[in-house]
Amino acid sequence: MSIVRHKEQKQTGDRTPQLASNFQPKRTPARVALLKVKDVADIMGVVPKTVRAWIDSGKLQAMRDGRIIRITPAALEDYIEEHMR
């Protein structure tokens, strides 16, 4: 809070913050639920080792952060469309 605004609030006794009339809250992007290897294995009816093999072969796109592997629902849908005809 700026000093000028603080002084104005002291004089008026108003403790509520004054918002600009054109204030627009920031929109945050919708979060996509990422799937674990086990989740994909359950959905596809296979063991997690098979899902990891699909990822290692490049058939299924995944994100890695160290040892953590996550798959987007869109990547799983793409895999199903391409490989499960």
PDB file of N, CA and C in Angstrom:
ATOM      1  N   MET A   1       0.854  -1.165   0.000  1.00  0.00           N
ATOM      2  CA  MET A   1       0.000   0.000   0.000  1.00  0.00           C
ATOM      3  C   MET A   1       0.898   1.225   0.000  1.00  0.00           C
ATOM      4  N   SER A   2       0.588   2.154  -0.847  1.00  0.00           N
ATOM      5  CA  SER A   2       1.422   3.347  -0.922  1.00  0.00           C
ATOM      6  C   SER A   2       1.174   4.251   0.277  1.00  0.00           C
ATOM      7  N   ILE A   3       2.120   5.112   0.541  1.00  0.00           N
ATOM      8  CA  ILE A   3       2.013   6.032   1.672  1.00  0.00           C
ATOM      9  C   ILE A   3       0.856   6.992   1.464  1.00  0.00           C
ATOM     10  N   VAL A   4       0.677   7.489   0.238  1.00  0.00           N
ATOM     11  CA  VAL A   4      -0.398   8.440  -0.042  1.00  0.00           C
ATOM     12  C   VAL A   4      -1.748   7.781   0.212  1.00  0.00           C
ATOM     13  N   ARG A   5      -1.917   6.566  -0.279  1.00  0.00           N
ATOM     14  CA  ARG A   5      -3.184   5.884  -0.092  1.00  0.00           C
ATOM     15  C   ARG A   5      -3.431   5.591   1.377  1.00  0.00           C
ATOM     16  N   HIS A   6      -2.358   5.263   2.105  1.00  0.00           N
ATOM     17  CA  HIS A   6      -2.476   4.985   3.526  1.00  0.00           C
ATOM     18  C   HIS A   6      -2.948   6.236   4.274  1.00  0.00           C
ATOM     19  N   LYS A   7      -2.398   7.395   3.918  1.00  0.00           N
ATOM     20  CA  LYS A   7      -2.799   8.641   4.567  1.00  0.00           C
ATOM     21  C   LYS A   7      -4.256   8.951   4.267  1.00  0.00           C
ATOM     22  N   GLU A   8      -4.674   8.708   3.013  1.00  0.00           N
ATOM     23  CA  GLU A   8      -6.073   8.964   2.645  1.00  0.00           C
ATOM     24  C   GLU A   8      -7.002   8.089   3.466  1.00  0.00           C
ATOM     25  N   GLN A   9      -6.646   6.856   3.684  1.00  0.00           N
ATOM     26  CA  GLN A   9      -7.487   5.964   4.457  1.00  0.00           C
ATOM     27  C   GLN A   9      -7.518   6.390   5.917  1.00  0.00           C
ATOM     28  N   LYS A  10      -6.398   6.872   6.440  1.00  0.00           N
ATOM     29  CA  LYS A  10      -6.371   7.330   7.824  1.00  0.00           C
ATOM     30  C   LYS A  10      -7.312   8.504   8.020  1.00  0.00           C
ATOM     31  N   GLN A  11      -7.316   9.424   7.073  1.00  0.00           N
ATOM     32  CA  GLN A  11      -8.146  10.612   7.192  1.00  0.00           C
ATOM     33  C   GLN A  11      -9.623  10.259   7.121  1.00  0.00           C
ATOM     34  N   THR A  12      -9.985   9.359   6.240  1.00  0.00           N
ATOM     35  CA  THR A  12     -11.403   9.024   6.092  1.00  0.00           C
ATOM     36  C   THR A  12     -11.841   7.962   7.080  1.00  0.00           C
ATOM     37  N   GLY A  13     -10.892   7.243   7.657  1.00  0.00           N
ATOM     38  CA  GLY A  13     -11.230   6.193   8.595  1.00  0.00           C
ATOM     39  C   GLY A  13     -11.659   4.908   7.896  1.00  0.00           C
ATOM     40  N   ASP A  14     -11.609   4.888   6.579  1.00  0.00           N
ATOM     41  CA  ASP A  14     -12.019   3.722   5.805  1.00  0.00           C
ATOM     42  C   ASP A  14     -10.872   2.726   5.743  1.00  0.00           C
ATOM     43  N   ARG A  15     -11.096   1.517   6.174  1.00  0.00           N
ATOM     44  CA  ARG A  15     -10.054   0.488   6.181  1.00  0.00           C
ATOM     45  C   ARG A  15     -10.171  -0.485   4.997  1.00  0.00           C
ATOM     46  N   THR A  16     -11.212  -0.377   4.195  1.00  0.00           N
ATOM     47  CA  THR A  16     -11.352  -1.288   3.057  1.00  0.00           C
ATOM     48  C   THR A  16     -10.465  -0.816   1.916  1.00  0.00           C
ATOM     49  N   PRO A  17      -9.805  -1.732   1.240  1.00  0.00           N
ATOM     50  CA  PRO A  17      -8.940  -1.317   0.130  1.00  0.00           C
ATOM     51  C   PRO A  17      -9.771  -0.798  -1.043  1.00  0.00           C
ATOM     52  N   GLN A  18      -9.257   0.228  -1.682  1.00  0.00           N
ATOM     53  CA  GLN A  18      -9.943   0.829  -2.821  1.00  0.00           C
ATOM     54  C   GLN A  18      -9.463   0.141  -4.093  1.00  0.00           C
ATOM     55  N   LEU A  19     -10.391  -0.397  -4.872  1.00  0.00           N
ATOM     56  CA  LEU A  19     -10.045  -1.051  -6.120  1.00  0.00           C
ATOM     57  C   LEU A  19     -10.330  -0.124  -7.283  1.00  0.00           C
ATOM     58  N   ALA A  20      -9.522  -0.213  -8.291  1.00  0.00           N
ATOM     59  CA  ALA A  20      -9.749   0.591  -9.490  1.00  0.00           C
ATOM     60  C   ALA A  20     -11.051   0.129 -10.145  1.00  0.00           C
ATOM     61  N   SER A  21     -11.749   1.044 -10.778  1.00  0.00           N
ATOM     62  CA  SER A  21     -13.044   0.700 -11.381  1.00  0.00           C
ATOM     63  C   SER A  21     -12.885  -0.258 -12.559  1.00  0.00           C
ATOM     64  N   ASN A  22     -11.723  -0.271 -13.174  1.00  0.00           N
ATOM     65  CA  ASN A  22     -11.518  -1.165 -14.304  1.00  0.00           C
ATOM     66  C   ASN A  22     -10.776  -2.435 -13.898  1.00  0.00           C
ATOM     67  N   PHE A  23     -10.843  -2.800 -12.642  1.00  0.00           N
ATOM     68  CA  PHE A  23     -10.159  -3.977 -12.132  1.00  0.00           C
ATOM     69  C   PHE A  23     -10.761  -5.235 -12.744  1.00  0.00           C
ATOM     70  N   GLN A  24      -9.903  -6.078 -13.300  1.00  0.00           N
ATOM     71  CA  GLN A  24     -10.318  -7.361 -13.863  1.00  0.00           C
ATOM     72  C   GLN A  24      -9.473  -8.442 -13.206  1.00  0.00           C
ATOM     73  N   PRO A  25     -10.102  -9.429 -12.588  1.00  0.00           N
ATOM     74  CA  PRO A  25      -9.300 -10.491 -11.989  1.00  0.00           C
ATOM     75  C   PRO A  25      -8.566 -11.274 -13.070  1.00  0.00           C
ATOM     76  N   LYS A  26      -7.379 -11.743 -12.738  1.00  0.00           N
ATOM     77  CA  LYS A  26      -6.606 -12.528 -13.692  1.00  0.00           C
ATOM     78  C   LYS A  26      -7.260 -13.889 -13.863  1.00  0.00           C
ATOM     79  N   ARG A  27      -7.335 -14.315 -15.094  1.00  0.00           N
ATOM     80  CA  ARG A  27      -7.896 -15.636 -15.362  1.00  0.00           C
ATOM     81  C   ARG A  27      -6.754 -16.645 -15.372  1.00  0.00           C
ATOM     82  N   THR A  28      -6.941 -17.698 -14.619  1.00  0.00           N
ATOM     83  CA  THR A  28      -5.944 -18.746 -14.605  1.00  0.00           C
ATOM     84  C   THR A  28      -6.386 -19.841 -15.562  1.00  0.00           C
ATOM     85  N   PRO A  29      -5.445 -20.453 -16.248  1.00  0.00           N
ATOM     86  CA  PRO A  29      -5.827 -21.507 -17.180  1.00  0.00           C
ATOM     87  C   PRO A  29      -6.401 -22.700 -16.430  1.00  0.00           C
ATOM     88  N   ALA A  30      -7.325 -23.381 -17.065  1.00  0.00           N
ATOM     89  CA  ALA A  30      -7.922 -24.556 -16.446  1.00  0.00           C
ATOM     90  C   ALA A  30      -6.842 -25.619 -16.278  1.00  0.00           C
ATOM     91  N   ARG A  31      -6.874 -26.262 -15.165  1.00  0.00           N
ATOM     92  CA  ARG A  31      -5.882 -27.302 -14.908  1.00  0.00           C
ATOM     93  C   ARG A  31      -6.347 -28.616 -15.508  1.00  0.00           C
ATOM     94  N   VAL A  32      -5.418 -29.294 -16.102  1.00  0.00           N
ATOM     95  CA  VAL A  32      -5.688 -30.599 -16.683  1.00  0.00           C
ATOM     96  C   VAL A  32      -5.192 -31.647 -15.701  1.00  0.00           C
ATOM     97  N   ALA A  33      -6.054 -32.593 -15.373  1.00  0.00           N
ATOM     98  CA  ALA A  33      -5.655 -33.653 -14.461  1.00  0.00           C
ATOM     99  C   ALA A  33      -4.697 -34.591 -15.189  1.00  0.00           C
ATOM    100  N   LEU A  34      -3.509 -34.712 -14.682  1.00  0.00           N
ATOM    101  CA  LEU A  34      -2.515 -35.592 -15.286  1.00  0.00           C
ATOM    102  C   LEU A  34      -2.681 -36.996 -14.720  1.00  0.00           C
ATOM    103  N   LEU A  35      -2.464 -37.971 -15.583  1.00  0.00           N
ATOM    104  CA  LEU A  35      -2.639 -39.362 -15.191  1.00  0.00           C
ATOM    105  C   LEU A  35      -1.306 -39.990 -14.817  1.00  0.00           C
ATOM    106  N   LYS A  36      -1.328 -40.856 -13.833  1.00  0.00           N
ATOM    107  CA  LYS A  36      -0.148 -41.628 -13.459  1.00  0.00           C
ATOM    108  C   LYS A  36      -0.089 -42.868 -14.342  1.00  0.00           C
ATOM    109  N   VAL A  37       1.067 -43.505 -14.364  1.00  0.00           N
ATOM    110  CA  VAL A  37       1.241 -44.727 -15.150  1.00  0.00           C
ATOM    111  C   VAL A  37       0.225 -45.773 -14.704  1.00  0.00           C
ATOM    112  N   LYS A  38       0.009 -45.891 -13.411  1.00  0.00           N
ATOM    113  CA  LYS A  38      -0.948 -46.861 -12.880  1.00  0.00           C
ATOM    114  C   LYS A  38      -2.373 -46.540 -13.343  1.00  0.00           C
ATOM    115  N   ASP A  39      -2.728 -45.256 -13.389  1.00  0.00           N
ATOM    116  CA  ASP A  39      -4.055 -44.854 -13.858  1.00  0.00           C
ATOM    117  C   ASP A  39      -4.267 -45.288 -15.307  1.00  0.00           C
ATOM    118  N   VAL A  40      -3.275 -45.045 -16.148  1.00  0.00           N
ATOM    119  CA  VAL A  40      -3.369 -45.421 -17.562  1.00  0.00           C
ATOM    120  C   VAL A  40      -3.451 -46.941 -17.692  1.00  0.00           C
ATOM    121  N   ALA A  41      -2.657 -47.656 -16.886  1.00  0.00           N
ATOM    122  CA  ALA A  41      -2.696 -49.114 -16.918  1.00  0.00           C
ATOM    123  C   ALA A  41      -4.086 -49.627 -16.548  1.00  0.00           C
ATOM    124  N   ASP A  42      -4.702 -49.040 -15.536  1.00  0.00           N
ATOM    125  CA  ASP A  42      -6.052 -49.444 -15.137  1.00  0.00           C
ATOM    126  C   ASP A  42      -7.062 -49.160 -16.243  1.00  0.00           C
ATOM    127  N   ILE A  43      -6.953 -48.010 -16.863  1.00  0.00           N
ATOM    128  CA  ILE A  43      -7.879 -47.630 -17.937  1.00  0.00           C
ATOM    129  C   ILE A  43      -7.740 -48.577 -19.125  1.00  0.00           C
ATOM    130  N   MET A  44      -6.498 -48.908 -19.469  1.00  0.00           N
ATOM    131  CA  MET A  44      -6.238 -49.719 -20.656  1.00  0.00           C
ATOM    132  C   MET A  44      -6.313 -51.221 -20.379  1.00  0.00           C
ATOM    133  N   GLY A  45      -6.370 -51.614 -19.115  1.00  0.00           N
ATOM    134  CA  GLY A  45      -6.454 -53.030 -18.776  1.00  0.00           C
ATOM    135  C   GLY A  45      -5.148 -53.778 -18.954  1.00  0.00           C
ATOM    136  N   VAL A  46      -4.043 -53.082 -18.710  1.00  0.00           N
ATOM    137  CA  VAL A  46      -2.712 -53.690 -18.813  1.00  0.00           C
ATOM    138  C   VAL A  46      -1.949 -53.425 -17.516  1.00  0.00           C
ATOM    139  N   VAL A  47      -0.766 -53.987 -17.420  1.00  0.00           N
ATOM    140  CA  VAL A  47       0.073 -53.739 -16.246  1.00  0.00           C
ATOM    141  C   VAL A  47       0.897 -52.470 -16.474  1.00  0.00           C
ATOM    142  N   PRO A  48       1.330 -51.793 -15.397  1.00  0.00           N
ATOM    143  CA  PRO A  48       2.119 -50.560 -15.550  1.00  0.00           C
ATOM    144  C   PRO A  48       3.375 -50.732 -16.393  1.00  0.00           C
ATOM    145  N   LYS A  49       3.991 -51.908 -16.359  1.00  0.00           N
ATOM    146  CA  LYS A  49       5.200 -52.152 -17.150  1.00  0.00           C
ATOM    147  C   LYS A  49       4.924 -51.970 -18.646  1.00  0.00           C
ATOM    148  N   THR A  50       3.734 -52.357 -19.101  1.00  0.00           N
ATOM    149  CA  THR A  50       3.354 -52.200 -20.505  1.00  0.00           C
ATOM    150  C   THR A  50       3.237 -50.722 -20.867  1.00  0.00           C
ATOM    151  N   VAL A  51       2.642 -49.942 -19.971  1.00  0.00           N
ATOM    152  CA  VAL A  51       2.497 -48.498 -20.217  1.00  0.00           C
ATOM    153  C   VAL A  51       3.874 -47.853 -20.313  1.00  0.00           C
ATOM    154  N   ARG A  52       4.781 -48.243 -19.426  1.00  0.00           N
ATOM    155  CA  ARG A  52       6.144 -47.700 -19.486  1.00  0.00           C
ATOM    156  C   ARG A  52       6.832 -48.079 -20.798  1.00  0.00           C
ATOM    157  N   ALA A  53       6.577 -49.280 -21.292  1.00  0.00           N
ATOM    158  CA  ALA A  53       7.158 -49.708 -22.575  1.00  0.00           C
ATOM    159  C   ALA A  53       6.608 -48.858 -23.715  1.00  0.00           C
ATOM    160  N   TRP A  54       5.311 -48.533 -23.689  1.00  0.00           N
ATOM    161  CA  TRP A  54       4.722 -47.657 -24.710  1.00  0.00           C
ATOM    162  C   TRP A  54       5.392 -46.280 -24.670  1.00  0.00           C
ATOM    163  N   ILE A  55       5.643 -45.779 -23.464  1.00  0.00           N
ATOM    164  CA  ILE A  55       6.278 -44.461 -23.314  1.00  0.00           C
ATOM    165  C   ILE A  55       7.716 -44.513 -23.832  1.00  0.00           C
ATOM    166  N   ASP A  56       8.463 -45.548 -23.427  1.00  0.00           N
ATOM    167  CA  ASP A  56       9.867 -45.673 -23.845  1.00  0.00           C
ATOM    168  C   ASP A  56      10.004 -45.834 -25.354  1.00  0.00           C
ATOM    169  N   SER A  57       9.014 -46.494 -25.991  1.00  0.00           N
ATOM    170  CA  SER A  57       9.081 -46.695 -27.444  1.00  0.00           C
ATOM    171  C   SER A  57       8.607 -45.467 -28.218  1.00  0.00           C
ATOM    172  N   GLY A  58       8.027 -44.488 -27.510  1.00  0.00           N
ATOM    173  CA  GLY A  58       7.544 -43.271 -28.167  1.00  0.00           C
ATOM    174  C   GLY A  58       6.118 -43.373 -28.671  1.00  0.00           C
ATOM    175  N   LYS A  59       5.448 -44.476 -28.415  1.00  0.00           N
ATOM    176  CA  LYS A  59       4.063 -44.641 -28.859  1.00  0.00           C
ATOM    177  C   LYS A  59       3.096 -43.789 -28.031  1.00  0.00           C
ATOM    178  N   LEU A  60       3.418 -43.610 -26.766  1.00  0.00           N
ATOM    179  CA  LEU A  60       2.576 -42.829 -25.855  1.00  0.00           C
ATOM    180  C   LEU A  60       3.395 -41.658 -25.330  1.00  0.00           C
ATOM    181  N   GLN A  61       2.903 -40.442 -25.563  1.00  0.00           N
ATOM    182  CA  GLN A  61       3.604 -39.248 -25.103  1.00  0.00           C
ATOM    183  C   GLN A  61       3.400 -39.078 -23.599  1.00  0.00           C
ATOM    184  N   ALA A  62       4.482 -38.724 -22.906  1.00  0.00           N
ATOM    185  CA  ALA A  62       4.426 -38.528 -21.461  1.00  0.00           C
ATOM    186  C   ALA A  62       5.379 -37.419 -21.053  1.00  0.00           C
ATOM    187  N   MET A  63       5.169 -36.909 -19.859  1.00  0.00           N
ATOM    188  CA  MET A  63       6.053 -35.891 -19.289  1.00  0.00           C
ATOM    189  C   MET A  63       6.815 -36.523 -18.144  1.00  0.00           C
ATOM    190  N   ARG A  64       8.080 -36.222 -18.079  1.00  0.00           N
ATOM    191  CA  ARG A  64       8.916 -36.757 -17.013  1.00  0.00           C
ATOM    192  C   ARG A  64       9.518 -35.618 -16.198  1.00  0.00           C
ATOM    193  N   ASP A  65       9.525 -35.829 -14.900  1.00  0.00           N
ATOM    194  CA  ASP A  65      10.229 -34.933 -13.984  1.00  0.00           C
ATOM    195  C   ASP A  65      11.008 -35.826 -13.047  1.00  0.00           C
ATOM    196  N   GLY A  66      12.220 -36.119 -13.444  1.00  0.00           N
ATOM    197  CA  GLY A  66      12.998 -37.091 -12.686  1.00  0.00           C
ATOM    198  C   GLY A  66      12.397 -38.470 -12.887  1.00  0.00           C
ATOM    199  N   ARG A  67      12.001 -39.091 -11.793  1.00  0.00           N
ATOM    200  CA  ARG A  67      11.389 -40.414 -11.873  1.00  0.00           C
ATOM    201  C   ARG A  67       9.878 -40.350 -12.043  1.00  0.00           C
ATOM    202  N   ILE A  68       9.317 -39.188 -11.892  1.00  0.00           N
ATOM    203  CA  ILE A  68       7.858 -39.040 -11.981  1.00  0.00           C
ATOM    204  C   ILE A  68       7.446 -38.971 -13.450  1.00  0.00           C
ATOM    205  N   ILE A  69       6.474 -39.797 -13.818  1.00  0.00           N
ATOM    206  CA  ILE A  69       5.955 -39.834 -15.184  1.00  0.00           C
ATOM    207  C   ILE A  69       4.473 -39.500 -15.124  1.00  0.00           C
ATOM    208  N   ARG A  70       4.042 -38.556 -15.961  1.00  0.00           N
ATOM    209  CA  ARG A  70       2.624 -38.188 -16.039  1.00  0.00           C
ATOM    210  C   ARG A  70       2.188 -38.163 -17.496  1.00  0.00           C
ATOM    211  N   ILE A  71       0.944 -38.551 -17.722  1.00  0.00           N
ATOM    212  CA  ILE A  71       0.378 -38.605 -19.067  1.00  0.00           C
ATOM    213  C   ILE A  71      -0.857 -37.723 -19.092  1.00  0.00           C
ATOM    214  N   THR A  72      -0.997 -36.894 -20.120  1.00  0.00           N
ATOM    215  CA  THR A  72      -2.200 -36.071 -20.247  1.00  0.00           C
ATOM    216  C   THR A  72      -3.314 -36.932 -20.825  1.00  0.00           C
ATOM    217  N   PRO A  73      -4.568 -36.625 -20.478  1.00  0.00           N
ATOM    218  CA  PRO A  73      -5.689 -37.351 -21.076  1.00  0.00           C
ATOM    219  C   PRO A  73      -5.692 -37.250 -22.605  1.00  0.00           C
ATOM    220  N   ALA A  74      -5.268 -36.110 -23.135  1.00  0.00           N
ATOM    221  CA  ALA A  74      -5.218 -35.934 -24.593  1.00  0.00           C
ATOM    222  C   ALA A  74      -4.202 -36.884 -25.220  1.00  0.00           C
ATOM    223  N   ALA A  75      -3.056 -37.085 -24.567  1.00  0.00           N
ATOM    224  CA  ALA A  75      -2.040 -38.008 -25.086  1.00  0.00           C
ATOM    225  C   ALA A  75      -2.566 -39.434 -25.081  1.00  0.00           C
ATOM    226  N   LEU A  76      -3.317 -39.796 -24.046  1.00  0.00           N
ATOM    227  CA  LEU A  76      -3.906 -41.131 -23.993  1.00  0.00           C
ATOM    228  C   LEU A  76      -4.948 -41.303 -25.093  1.00  0.00           C
ATOM    229  N   GLU A  77      -5.766 -40.283 -25.307  1.00  0.00           N
ATOM    230  CA  GLU A  77      -6.763 -40.338 -26.385  1.00  0.00           C
ATOM    231  C   GLU A  77      -6.082 -40.488 -27.744  1.00  0.00           C
ATOM    232  N   ASP A  78      -4.999 -39.748 -27.952  1.00  0.00           N
ATOM    233  CA  ASP A  78      -4.252 -39.856 -29.213  1.00  0.00           C
ATOM    234  C   ASP A  78      -3.713 -41.269 -29.402  1.00  0.00           C
ATOM    235  N   TYR A  79      -3.181 -41.856 -28.329  1.00  0.00           N
ATOM    236  CA  TYR A  79      -2.662 -43.216 -28.404  1.00  0.00           C
ATOM    237  C   TYR A  79      -3.785 -44.199 -28.779  1.00  0.00           C
ATOM    238  N   ILE A  80      -4.921 -44.046 -28.144  1.00  0.00           N
ATOM    239  CA  ILE A  80      -6.043 -44.946 -28.404  1.00  0.00           C
ATOM    240  C   ILE A  80      -6.502 -44.806 -29.847  1.00  0.00           C
ATOM    241  N   GLU A  81      -6.616 -43.565 -30.328  1.00  0.00           N
ATOM    242  CA  GLU A  81      -7.036 -43.329 -31.712  1.00  0.00           C
ATOM    243  C   GLU A  81      -6.070 -43.967 -32.716  1.00  0.00           C
ATOM    244  N   GLU A  82      -4.773 -43.844 -32.438  1.00  0.00           N
ATOM    245  CA  GLU A  82      -3.767 -44.289 -33.391  1.00  0.00           C
ATOM    246  C   GLU A  82      -3.489 -45.791 -33.337  1.00  0.00           C
ATOM    247  N   HIS A  83      -3.516 -46.362 -32.131  1.00  0.00           N
ATOM    248  CA  HIS A  83      -3.063 -47.746 -31.971  1.00  0.00           C
ATOM    249  C   HIS A  83      -4.173 -48.751 -31.660  1.00  0.00           C
ATOM    250  N   MET A  84      -5.345 -48.297 -31.354  1.00  0.00           N
ATOM    251  CA  MET A  84      -6.406 -49.232 -30.950  1.00  0.00           C
ATOM    252  C   MET A  84      -7.549 -49.239 -31.959  1.00  0.00           C
ATOM    253  N   ARG A  85      -7.251 -49.439 -33.214  1.00  0.00           N
ATOM    254  CA  ARG A  85      -8.299 -49.464 -34.241  1.00  0.00           C
ATOM    255  C   ARG A  85      -8.893 -50.813 -34.376  1.00  0.00           C
TER     256      ARG A  85
END
